[in-house]
C-alpha atoms as a PDB file:
ATOM      1  CA  MET A   1     -22.899 -79.723-107.333  1.00  0.00           C
ATOM      2  CA  SER A   2     -23.155 -76.436-109.342  1.00  0.00           C
ATOM      3  CA  LYS A   3     -23.483 -73.423-107.203  1.00  0.00           C
ATOM      4  CA  GLN A   4     -27.257 -72.646-108.409  1.00  0.00           C
ATOM      5  CA  LEU A   5     -28.508 -75.938-107.451  1.00  0.00           C
ATOM      6  CA  GLN A   6     -26.522 -74.982-103.841  1.00  0.00           C
ATOM      7  CA  PHE A   7     -28.334 -71.895-103.427  1.00  0.00           C
ATOM      8  CA  TRP A   8     -32.178 -73.335-104.345  1.00  0.00           C
ATOM      9  CA  LEU A   9     -31.215 -76.571-102.166  1.00  0.00           C
ATOM     10  CA  PHE A  10     -30.109 -73.810 -99.406  1.00  0.00           C
ATOM     11  CA  LEU A  11     -33.769 -71.992 -99.921  1.00  0.00           C
ATOM     12  CA  PHE A  12     -35.143 -74.965 -99.644  1.00  0.00           C
ATOM     13  CA  PHE A  13     -34.182 -75.986 -96.638  1.00  0.00           C
ATOM     14  CA  LEU A  14     -33.868 -72.761 -94.958  1.00  0.00           C
ATOM     15  CA  PRO A  15     -37.545 -72.386 -93.260  1.00  0.00           C
ATOM     16  CA  ALA A  16     -36.576 -75.888 -91.403  1.00  0.00           C
ATOM     17  CA  LEU A  17     -32.606 -74.121 -90.538  1.00  0.00           C
ATOM     18  CA  ILE A  18     -34.568 -71.403 -89.234  1.00  0.00           C
ATOM     19  CA  LYS A  19     -37.342 -73.555 -86.835  1.00  0.00           C
ATOM     20  CA  ALA A  20     -34.373 -75.762 -85.483  1.00  0.00           C
ATOM     21  CA  GLU A  21     -33.420 -74.626 -82.065  1.00  0.00           C
ATOM     22  CA  VAL A  22     -30.211 -75.857 -80.088  1.00  0.00           C
ATOM     23  CA  LYS A  23     -31.591 -77.584 -77.217  1.00  0.00           C
ATOM     24  CA  ASP A  24     -29.124 -76.737 -73.863  1.00  0.00           C
ATOM     25  CA  VAL A  25     -29.645 -79.350 -71.549  1.00  0.00           C
ATOM     26  CA  ILE A  26     -28.342 -79.118 -67.557  1.00  0.00           C
ATOM     27  CA  VAL A  27     -27.829 -83.029 -66.509  1.00  0.00           C
ATOM     28  CA  PHE A  28     -27.990 -82.510 -62.390  1.00  0.00           C
ATOM     29  CA  PHE A  29     -25.981 -85.348 -60.245  1.00  0.00           C
ATOM     30  CA  ASP A  30     -29.479 -86.895 -59.450  1.00  0.00           C
ATOM     31  CA  GLY A  31     -29.939 -87.648 -63.194  1.00  0.00           C
ATOM     32  CA  SER A  32     -32.865 -84.911 -63.185  1.00  0.00           C
ATOM     33  CA  THR A  33     -32.447 -82.362 -66.110  1.00  0.00           C
ATOM     34  CA  ALA A  34     -33.262 -78.784 -66.904  1.00  0.00           C
ATOM     35  CA  ILE A  35     -33.574 -77.991 -71.092  1.00  0.00           C
ATOM     36  CA  ALA A  36     -32.427 -74.270 -71.036  1.00  0.00           C
ATOM     37  CA  LEU A  37     -30.730 -71.992 -72.598  1.00  0.00           C
ATOM     38  CA  ILE A  38     -27.177 -70.863 -71.336  1.00  0.00           C
ATOM     39  CA  ASP A  39     -26.848 -67.660 -70.670  1.00  0.00           C
ATOM     40  CA  SER A  40     -23.709 -67.692 -69.506  1.00  0.00           C
ATOM     41  CA  ILE A  41     -21.172 -69.975 -67.449  1.00  0.00           C
ATOM     42  CA  GLU A  42     -19.330 -67.893 -64.691  1.00  0.00           C
ATOM     43  CA  PHE A  43     -16.343 -68.674 -62.176  1.00  0.00           C
ATOM     44  CA  ASP A  44     -19.078 -69.956 -59.447  1.00  0.00           C
ATOM     45  CA  SER A  45     -22.340 -69.819 -60.999  1.00  0.00           C
ATOM     46  CA  LEU A  46     -24.284 -70.985 -64.210  1.00  0.00           C
ATOM     47  CA  LYS A  47     -27.099 -68.581 -65.695  1.00  0.00           C
ATOM     48  CA  TYR A  48     -29.571 -70.230 -68.058  1.00  0.00           C
ATOM     49  CA  ILE A  49     -32.831 -69.138 -69.498  1.00  0.00           C
ATOM     50  CA  ASP A  50     -35.874 -72.346 -68.228  1.00  0.00           C
ATOM     51  CA  ARG A  51     -37.298 -73.222 -71.784  1.00  0.00           C
ATOM     52  CA  ASP A  52     -39.819 -74.904 -69.485  1.00  0.00           C
ATOM     53  CA  THR A  53     -40.789 -71.589 -67.370  1.00  0.00           C
ATOM     54  CA  GLY A  54     -39.369 -68.797 -69.354  1.00  0.00           C
ATOM     55  CA  ASP A  55     -37.651 -68.008 -66.469  1.00  0.00           C
ATOM     56  CA  THR A  56     -33.967 -66.834 -65.930  1.00  0.00           C
ATOM     57  CA  LEU A  57     -32.229 -68.774 -63.226  1.00  0.00           C
ATOM     58  CA  ARG A  58     -28.638 -69.128 -61.406  1.00  0.00           C
ATOM     59  CA  ILE A  59     -27.245 -71.796 -60.189  1.00  0.00           C
ATOM     60  CA  ALA A  60     -24.146 -72.592 -58.631  1.00  0.00           C
ATOM     61  CA  LYS A  61     -22.021 -74.345 -60.825  1.00  0.00           C
ATOM     62  CA  LYS A  62     -21.434 -77.817 -58.354  1.00  0.00           C
ATOM     63  CA  GLU A  63     -25.031 -78.014 -58.420  1.00  0.00           C
ATOM     64  CA  ALA A  64     -24.355 -79.474 -62.220  1.00  0.00           C
ATOM     65  CA  TYR A  65     -22.974 -82.934 -63.244  1.00  0.00           C
ATOM     66  CA  PHE A  66     -22.147 -81.644 -66.668  1.00  0.00           C
ATOM     67  CA  VAL A  67     -23.660 -79.496 -69.314  1.00  0.00           C
ATOM     68  CA  TYR A  68     -23.951 -80.265 -73.424  1.00  0.00           C
ATOM     69  CA  ASN A  69     -26.518 -79.030 -76.320  1.00  0.00           C
ATOM     70  CA  ASP A  70     -28.064 -81.655 -78.857  1.00  0.00           C
ATOM     71  CA  PHE A  71     -25.600 -80.664 -81.599  1.00  0.00           C
ATOM     72  CA  GLY A  72     -22.563 -82.317 -79.209  1.00  0.00           C
ATOM     73  CA  ARG A  73     -21.332 -79.881 -77.731  1.00  0.00           C
ATOM     74  CA  MET A  74     -19.798 -80.225 -74.052  1.00  0.00           C
ATOM     75  CA  PHE A  75     -20.318 -76.776 -71.834  1.00  0.00           C
ATOM     76  CA  TYR A  76     -19.286 -77.895 -68.934  1.00  0.00           C
ATOM     77  CA  TYR A  77     -17.854 -80.883 -66.969  1.00  0.00           C
ATOM     78  CA  SER A  78     -18.372 -81.135 -63.108  1.00  0.00           C
ATOM     79  CA  PRO A  79     -15.168 -82.940 -61.086  1.00  0.00           C
ATOM     80  CA  SER A  80     -17.388 -85.782 -60.161  1.00  0.00           C
ATOM     81  CA  SER A  81     -17.819 -86.560 -64.106  1.00  0.00           C
ATOM     82  CA  TYR A  82     -13.757 -86.606 -64.539  1.00  0.00           C
ATOM     83  CA  LEU A  83     -13.019 -88.579 -61.892  1.00  0.00           C
ATOM     84  CA  ARG A  84     -16.035 -91.277 -62.457  1.00  0.00           C
ATOM     85  CA  MET A  85     -14.217 -91.511 -66.020  1.00  0.00           C
ATOM     86  CA  ASP A  86     -10.904 -91.781 -64.352  1.00  0.00           C
ATOM     87  CA  PHE A  87     -12.106 -94.604 -62.140  1.00  0.00           C
ATOM     88  CA  LEU A  88     -13.842 -96.805 -65.529  1.00  0.00           C
ATOM     89  CA  GLU A  89     -10.087 -96.112 -67.486  1.00  0.00           C
ATOM     90  CA  GLU A  90      -8.884 -98.488 -64.935  1.00  0.00           C
ATOM     91  CA  TYR A  91     -11.009-101.498 -65.835  1.00  0.00           C
ATOM     92  CA  GLY A  92     -12.258-103.609 -68.270  1.00  0.00           C
ATOM     93  CA  GLY A  93     -16.803-103.769 -68.526  1.00  0.00           C
ATOM     94  CA  TYR A  94     -19.887-102.944 -70.621  1.00  0.00           C
ATOM     95  CA  ILE A  95     -21.960 -99.591 -71.703  1.00  0.00           C
ATOM     96  CA  GLN A  96     -25.193 -99.668 -72.173  1.00  0.00           C
ATOM     97  CA  THR A  97     -25.832 -96.735 -74.819  1.00  0.00           C
ATOM     98  CA  VAL A  98     -29.403 -94.670 -74.912  1.00  0.00           C
ATOM     99  CA  ASN A  99     -31.262 -96.362 -77.707  1.00  0.00           C
ATOM    100  CA  GLU A 100     -30.600 -99.814 -75.540  1.00  0.00           C
ATOM    101  CA  ASP A 101     -27.528-101.033 -77.454  1.00  0.00           C
ATOM    102  CA  THR A 102     -24.567-103.304 -75.063  1.00  0.00           C
ATOM    103  CA  ILE A 103     -21.448-102.936 -76.004  1.00  0.00           C
ATOM    104  CA  PHE A 104     -18.198-104.883 -74.030  1.00  0.00           C
ATOM    105  CA  TYR A 105     -14.872-103.420 -73.743  1.00  0.00           C
ATOM    106  CA  ASP A 106     -11.893-104.258 -72.376  1.00  0.00           C
ATOM    107  CA  ARG A 107     -10.075-100.940 -72.310  1.00  0.00           C
ATOM    108  CA  ILE A 108     -12.058 -96.935 -72.145  1.00  0.00           C
ATOM    109  CA  TYR A 109     -10.445 -93.760 -72.809  1.00  0.00           C
ATOM    110  CA  PHE A 110     -12.971 -90.632 -72.961  1.00  0.00           C
ATOM    111  CA  ASP A 111     -11.065 -87.449 -74.830  1.00  0.00           C
ATOM    112  CA  ARG A 112     -12.486 -85.175 -72.766  1.00  0.00           C
ATOM    113  CA  LYS A 113     -13.332 -83.024 -75.251  1.00  0.00           C
ATOM    114  CA  MET A 114     -15.908 -79.730 -75.376  1.00  0.00           C
ATOM    115  CA  ILE A 115     -16.599 -80.134 -79.111  1.00  0.00           C
ATOM    116  CA  ARG A 116     -17.702 -83.739 -79.562  1.00  0.00           C
ATOM    117  CA  PRO A 117     -16.445 -85.729 -77.273  1.00  0.00           C
ATOM    118  CA  GLN A 118     -15.626 -89.098 -78.004  1.00  0.00           C
ATOM    119  CA  VAL A 119     -15.079 -92.652 -76.515  1.00  0.00           C
ATOM    120  CA  ALA A 120     -12.320 -95.272 -77.465  1.00  0.00           C
ATOM    121  CA  LEU A 121     -13.355 -98.717 -76.599  1.00  0.00           C
ATOM    122  CA  TYR A 122     -10.874-101.422 -77.173  1.00  0.00           C
ATOM    123  CA  GLN A 123     -11.458-105.394 -76.981  1.00  0.00           C
ATOM    124  CA  GLU A 124      -8.831-108.146 -76.997  1.00  0.00           C
ATOM    125  CA  ASN A 125      -9.160-110.919 -79.545  1.00  0.00           C
ATOM    126  CA  GLU A 126     -11.250-109.068 -81.852  1.00  0.00           C
ATOM    127  CA  GLU A 127     -12.143-108.369 -85.675  1.00  0.00           C
ATOM    128  CA  LEU A 128     -12.592-105.054 -85.027  1.00  0.00           C
ATOM    129  CA  PRO A 129     -10.424-104.744 -81.808  1.00  0.00           C
ATOM    130  CA  PHE A 130     -11.282-100.061 -81.507  1.00  0.00           C
ATOM    131  CA  MET A 131     -14.316 -98.479 -82.281  1.00  0.00           C
ATOM    132  CA  LYS A 132     -15.327 -94.845 -81.202  1.00  0.00           C
ATOM    133  CA  LEU A 133     -18.722 -94.030 -79.446  1.00  0.00           C
ATOM    134  CA  PRO A 134     -19.803 -90.678 -79.104  1.00  0.00           C
ATOM    135  CA  PHE A 135     -19.796 -89.512 -75.294  1.00  0.00           C
ATOM    136  CA  GLN A 136     -23.260 -88.751 -75.092  1.00  0.00           C
ATOM    137  CA  ASP A 137     -24.873 -91.394 -76.335  1.00  0.00           C
ATOM    138  CA  ILE A 138     -24.086 -93.463 -73.260  1.00  0.00           C
ATOM    139  CA  HIS A 139     -26.937 -94.290 -70.495  1.00  0.00           C
ATOM    140  CA  PHE A 140     -24.527 -95.717 -67.953  1.00  0.00           C
ATOM    141  CA  ILE A 141     -21.070 -97.774 -68.145  1.00  0.00           C
ATOM    142  CA  ARG A 142     -20.790-100.627 -65.786  1.00  0.00           C
ATOM    143  CA  ALA A 143     -17.204-101.736 -64.857  1.00  0.00           C
ATOM    144  CA  SER A 144     -15.985-105.545 -64.853  1.00  0.00           C
ATOM    145  CA  GLY A 145     -15.879-107.174 -61.514  1.00  0.00           C
ATOM    146  CA  SER A 146     -12.198-106.631 -61.255  1.00  0.00           C
ATOM    147  CA  ALA A 147     -12.977-103.153 -60.160  1.00  0.00           C
ATOM    148  CA  LEU A 148     -13.482-104.341 -56.331  1.00  0.00           C
ATOM    149  CA  ARG A 149      -9.938-104.167 -55.817  1.00  0.00           C
ATOM    150  CA  LYS A 150     -10.827-100.256 -55.466  1.00  0.00           C
ATOM    151  CA  SER A 151     -12.957-101.963 -52.231  1.00  0.00           C
ATOM    152  CA  VAL A 152      -9.565-103.501 -50.748  1.00  0.00           C
ATOM    153  CA  ARG A 153      -7.582-100.405 -51.686  1.00  0.00           C
ATOM    154  CA  ASN A 154     -10.491 -98.078 -49.766  1.00  0.00           C
ATOM    155  CA  GLY A 155     -10.276-100.925 -46.816  1.00  0.00           C
ATOM    156  CA  PHE A 156      -6.284-100.594 -46.301  1.00  0.00           C
ATOM    157  CA  ASN A 157      -6.901 -96.916 -46.570  1.00  0.00           C
ATOM    158  CA  THR A 158      -9.488 -96.804 -44.379  1.00  0.00           C
ATOM    159  CA  SER A 159      -7.635 -98.428 -41.562  1.00  0.00           C
ATOM    160  CA  LEU A 160      -3.927 -96.657 -42.310  1.00  0.00           C
ATOM    161  CA  ILE A 161      -6.009 -93.403 -41.227  1.00  0.00           C
ATOM    162  CA  SER A 162      -7.844 -94.561 -38.414  1.00  0.00           C
ATOM    163  CA  PHE A 163      -4.660 -96.076 -36.221  1.00  0.00           C
ATOM    164  CA  SER A 164      -2.574 -93.231 -38.035  1.00  0.00           C
ATOM    165  CA  ILE A 165      -5.109 -91.060 -36.412  1.00  0.00           C
ATOM    166  CA  ALA A 166      -5.267 -92.767 -33.093  1.00  0.00           C
ATOM    167  CA  THR A 167      -0.933 -93.132 -32.910  1.00  0.00           C
ATOM    168  CA  VAL A 168      -0.658 -88.964 -32.854  1.00  0.00           C
ATOM    169  CA  LEU A 169      -3.078 -88.590 -30.746  1.00  0.00           C
ATOM    170  CA  ASN A 170      -1.366 -91.737 -28.488  1.00  0.00           C
ATOM    171  CA  ILE A 171       1.986 -89.960 -29.232  1.00  0.00           C
ATOM    172  CA  ASN A 172       0.673 -86.602 -28.130  1.00  0.00           C
ATOM    173  CA  SER A 173      -0.988 -88.463 -24.874  1.00  0.00           C
ATOM    174  CA  LYS A 174       2.522 -89.671 -23.793  1.00  0.00           C
ATOM    175  CA  TYR A 175       4.222 -86.664 -24.693  1.00  0.00           C
ATOM    176  CA  LYS A 176       2.322 -84.689 -22.044  1.00  0.00           C
ATOM    177  CA  GLU A 177       2.749 -86.974 -19.769  1.00  0.00           C
ATOM    178  CA  THR A 178       6.583 -87.392 -19.778  1.00  0.00           C
ATOM    179  CA  GLY A 179       7.741 -84.316 -21.767  1.00  0.00           C
ATOM    180  CA  SER A 180       9.866 -86.706 -24.480  1.00  0.00           C
ATOM    181  CA  PHE A 181       8.865 -86.783 -27.623  1.00  0.00           C
ATOM    182  CA  GLY A 182      11.373 -89.042 -28.891  1.00  0.00           C
ATOM    183  CA  SER A 183       9.968 -91.824 -26.322  1.00  0.00           C
ATOM    184  CA  ALA A 184       6.370 -90.883 -26.975  1.00  0.00           C
ATOM    185  CA  VAL A 185       6.921 -91.527 -31.018  1.00  0.00           C
ATOM    186  CA  SER A 186       8.865 -94.693 -30.218  1.00  0.00           C
ATOM    187  CA  ASN A 187       5.907 -95.919 -27.515  1.00  0.00           C
ATOM    188  CA  GLY A 188       3.048 -94.474 -30.522  1.00  0.00           C
ATOM    189  CA  PHE A 189       4.879 -97.023 -32.999  1.00  0.00           C
ATOM    190  CA  LYS A 190       5.894 -99.796 -30.977  1.00  0.00           C
ATOM    191  CA  ASN A 191       1.826-100.279 -30.268  1.00  0.00           C
ATOM    192  CA  LEU A 192       1.576-101.188 -33.542  1.00  0.00           C
ATOM    193  CA  LEU A 193       5.003-102.937 -34.421  1.00  0.00           C
ATOM    194  CA  PRO A 194       4.673-106.739 -34.570  1.00  0.00           C
ATOM    195  CA  GLY A 195       7.206-107.987 -31.418  1.00  0.00           C
ATOM    196  CA  PHE A 196      10.141-110.775 -32.357  1.00  0.00           C
ATOM    197  CA  SER A 197       8.101-112.968 -30.142  1.00  0.00           C
ATOM    198  CA  PRO A 198       4.000-113.094 -30.480  1.00  0.00           C
ATOM    199  CA  PHE A 199       4.023-111.953 -26.461  1.00  0.00           C
ATOM    200  CA  GLU A 200       5.772-108.803 -27.840  1.00  0.00           C
ATOM    201  CA  ASN A 201       3.669-107.433 -29.924  1.00  0.00           C
ATOM    202  CA  GLY A 202       2.375-103.952 -30.020  1.00  0.00           C
ATOM    203  CA  LYS A 203      -1.099-103.663 -27.639  1.00  0.00           C
ATOM    204  CA  GLN A 204      -2.423-102.331 -31.023  1.00  0.00           C
ATOM    205  CA  PHE A 205      -1.009-104.535 -33.741  1.00  0.00           C
ATOM    206  CA  HIS A 206      -3.892-107.377 -32.935  1.00  0.00           C
ATOM    207  CA  SER A 207      -6.288-104.907 -33.792  1.00  0.00           C
ATOM    208  CA  PHE A 208      -4.381-103.166 -37.134  1.00  0.00           C
ATOM    209  CA  THR A 209      -4.484-107.462 -38.295  1.00  0.00           C
ATOM    210  CA  PHE A 210      -8.287-107.716 -37.264  1.00  0.00           C
ATOM    211  CA  ILE A 211      -9.673-103.859 -38.720  1.00  0.00           C
ATOM    212  CA  THR A 212      -8.192-103.807 -41.694  1.00  0.00           C
ATOM    213  CA  PRO A 213      -9.360-107.200 -43.377  1.00  0.00           C
ATOM    214  CA  SER A 214     -12.785-106.629 -41.671  1.00  0.00           C
ATOM    215  CA  ALA A 215     -12.219-102.701 -43.254  1.00  0.00           C
ATOM    216  CA  THR A 216     -11.881-104.444 -46.343  1.00  0.00           C
ATOM    217  CA  ILE A 217     -14.997-106.915 -46.381  1.00  0.00           C
ATOM    218  CA  VAL A 218     -17.524-104.012 -45.050  1.00  0.00           C
ATOM    219  CA  TRP A 219     -16.016-102.112 -48.747  1.00  0.00           C
ATOM    220  CA  MET A 220     -16.648-104.448 -51.341  1.00  0.00           C
ATOM    221  CA  ILE A 221     -20.276-105.206 -49.165  1.00  0.00           C
ATOM    222  CA  TYR A 222     -20.905-101.346 -49.672  1.00  0.00           C
ATOM    223  CA  ASP A 223     -19.452-101.507 -53.212  1.00  0.00           C
ATOM    224  CA  ILE A 224     -21.705-104.602 -54.242  1.00  0.00           C
ATOM    225  CA  ILE A 225     -25.171-103.347 -52.305  1.00  0.00           C
ATOM    226  CA  PHE A 226     -24.721-100.063 -53.956  1.00  0.00           C
ATOM    227  CA  ASP A 227     -23.593-101.145 -57.258  1.00  0.00           C
ATOM    228  CA  ARG A 228     -20.971 -98.549 -57.184  1.00  0.00           C
ATOM    229  CA  ARG A 229     -19.442 -99.763 -60.423  1.00  0.00           C
ATOM    230  CA  THR A 230     -21.705 -98.622 -62.258  1.00  0.00           C
ATOM    231  CA  GLN A 231     -20.930 -94.551 -63.374  1.00  0.00           C
ATOM    232  CA  TYR A 232     -24.261 -93.260 -65.539  1.00  0.00           C
ATOM    233  CA  PHE A 233     -24.373 -90.145 -67.306  1.00  0.00           C
ATOM    234  CA  ARG A 234     -26.842 -89.182 -69.789  1.00  0.00           C
ATOM    235  CA  PRO A 235     -30.499 -89.577 -68.623  1.00  0.00           C
ATOM    236  CA  ILE A 236     -32.882 -91.900 -71.214  1.00  0.00           C
ATOM    237  CA  GLU A 237     -35.872 -89.603 -70.108  1.00  0.00           C
ATOM    238  CA  ARG A 238     -36.613 -86.534 -68.292  1.00  0.00           C
ATOM    239  CA  ASP A 239     -38.938 -88.075 -65.547  1.00  0.00           C
ATOM    240  CA  ILE A 240     -36.646 -91.055 -64.484  1.00  0.00           C
ATOM    241  CA  ILE A 241     -33.379 -89.972 -62.324  1.00  0.00           C
ATOM    242  CA  PHE A 242     -30.411 -92.422 -61.912  1.00  0.00           C
ATOM    243  CA  PRO A 243     -30.978 -94.917 -58.896  1.00  0.00           C
ATOM    244  CA  ARG A 244     -28.048 -93.150 -56.899  1.00  0.00           C
ATOM    245  CA  SER A 245     -26.322 -89.715 -57.133  1.00  0.00           C
ATOM    246  CA  MET A 246     -23.454 -89.353 -59.645  1.00  0.00           C
ATOM    247  CA  TYR A 247     -21.574 -86.249 -56.704  1.00  0.00           C
ATOM    248  CA  LYS A 248     -18.256 -87.824 -55.775  1.00  0.00           C
ATOM    249  CA  PHE A 249     -16.330 -86.816 -52.755  1.00  0.00           C
ATOM    250  CA  SER A 250     -13.019 -85.735 -53.214  1.00  0.00           C
ATOM    251  CA  ILE A 251     -10.717 -84.219 -50.782  1.00  0.00           C
ATOM    252  CA  ASN A 252      -8.271 -83.500 -53.451  1.00  0.00           C
ATOM    253  CA  THR A 253     -11.348 -81.519 -55.513  1.00  0.00           C
ATOM    254  CA  ILE A 254     -12.555 -79.207 -52.815  1.00  0.00           C
ATOM    255  CA  VAL A 255      -8.313 -78.331 -51.724  1.00  0.00           C
ATOM    256  CA  ASP A 256      -7.892 -77.588 -55.711  1.00  0.00           C
ATOM    257  CA  ARG A 257     -11.034 -75.766 -55.325  1.00  0.00           C
ATOM    258  CA  GLN A 258      -9.885 -73.639 -52.653  1.00  0.00           C
ATOM    259  CA  ILE A 259      -6.598 -73.188 -54.406  1.00  0.00           C
ATOM    260  CA  GLU A 260      -8.726 -71.976 -57.420  1.00  0.00           C
ATOM    261  CA  LYS A 261     -10.984 -69.428 -55.540  1.00  0.00           C
ATOM    262  CA  ILE A 262      -8.018 -67.475 -53.852  1.00  0.00           C
ATOM    263  CA  GLN A 263      -6.038 -67.445 -57.205  1.00  0.00           C
ATOM    264  CA  TYR A 264      -9.226 -66.490 -58.972  1.00  0.00           C
ATOM    265  CA  ARG A 265     -10.107 -63.432 -56.248  1.00  0.00           C
ATOM    266  CA  ARG A 266      -6.513 -62.198 -56.941  1.00  0.00           C
ATOM    267  CA  ASN A 267      -6.576 -62.061 -60.153  1.00  0.00           C
ATOM    268  CA  GLU A 268      -9.938 -59.995 -59.674  1.00  0.00           C
ATOM    269  CA  LYS A 269      -8.471 -57.885 -57.565  1.00  0.00           C
ATOM    270  CA  ARG A 270      -5.313 -57.266 -59.477  1.00  0.00           C
ATOM    271  CA  LYS A 271      -7.899 -56.289 -62.729  1.00  0.00           C
ATOM    272  CA  GLU A 272     -10.054 -53.934 -60.120  1.00  0.00           C
ATOM    273  CA  LYS A 273      -6.170 -52.310 -59.677  1.00  0.00           C
ATOM    274  CA  GLU A 274      -5.113 -51.976 -63.150  1.00  0.00           C
ATOM    275  CA  ALA A 275      -8.632 -50.583 -64.245  1.00  0.00           C
ATOM    276  CA  GLU A 276      -8.501 -48.021 -61.743  1.00  0.00           C
ATOM    277  CA  GLU A 277      -4.841 -46.795 -62.270  1.00  0.00           C
ATOM    278  CA  ALA A 278      -6.058 -46.595 -65.710  1.00  0.00           C
ATOM    279  CA  LYS A 279      -8.930 -44.588 -65.121  1.00  0.00           C
ATOM    280  CA  LYS A 280      -6.460 -42.201 -62.859  1.00  0.00           C
ATOM    281  CA  LYS A 281      -4.129 -41.811 -66.349  1.00  0.00           C
ATOM    282  CA  GLN A 282      -6.666 -41.025 -68.372  1.00  0.00           C
ATOM    283  CA  SER A 283      -8.076 -38.100 -66.196  1.00  0.00           C
ATOM    284  CA  LEU A 284      -4.629 -36.815 -66.245  1.00  0.00           C
ATOM    285  CA  TYR A 285      -4.280 -36.363 -69.868  1.00  0.00           C
END
């Protein structure tokens, strides 16, 4: 194509390019959205202009599920979105796109990029075992039934944490009574452990063996009723919200965030001190 032809084609499409507006979309955890023009994304907040009202708004960044524009650019992934991606990468399942296409897969991988993120799908025993899909084309992903093994882990962890807390409280109580820490610890663990004969089992052993499977069953029922295998990403329509919130509670995420805040404040104070020192040096000259 000659340069002259390219020039005339550019002039021809220039009006359309000028009219085209990039739309930034803020997706909240319930699936509601805000069509916006992103002004800035700071450490704890997100500032944008609402295209519906024209108002300039600022929200806490933790309120947003993720933020993207219609040219394939991601501005922000929430910790909850990362946790849901991590969960899905453990299992097979299927995807439903915003165009209502259904794609089955055996393994899935999210590249988590900020520019045109992709999702890689692997299918065993297929002529085309590998394919890619734009992340922003995904409405929801449902993990296979094998995801219920996570319910088993949750049930075991629930009972383990409960009995660990009970054991610590029991040890503390015995220590206050006897004044011997070693004896209190030994007595606390004996209550949980089985004995050499059924009559020598610890007082809490039978409770532990009963509550562990019970907690597992409760978790499985809960996950099935609330369809926790299904993870939603991009809404199909603005007025239709997700069946449940996509916020995911994580103690590790909360702790990491608090550490980041401490580091951020330290860095800000250091920058302020450096700026003050620079001003003092300039005033000396």
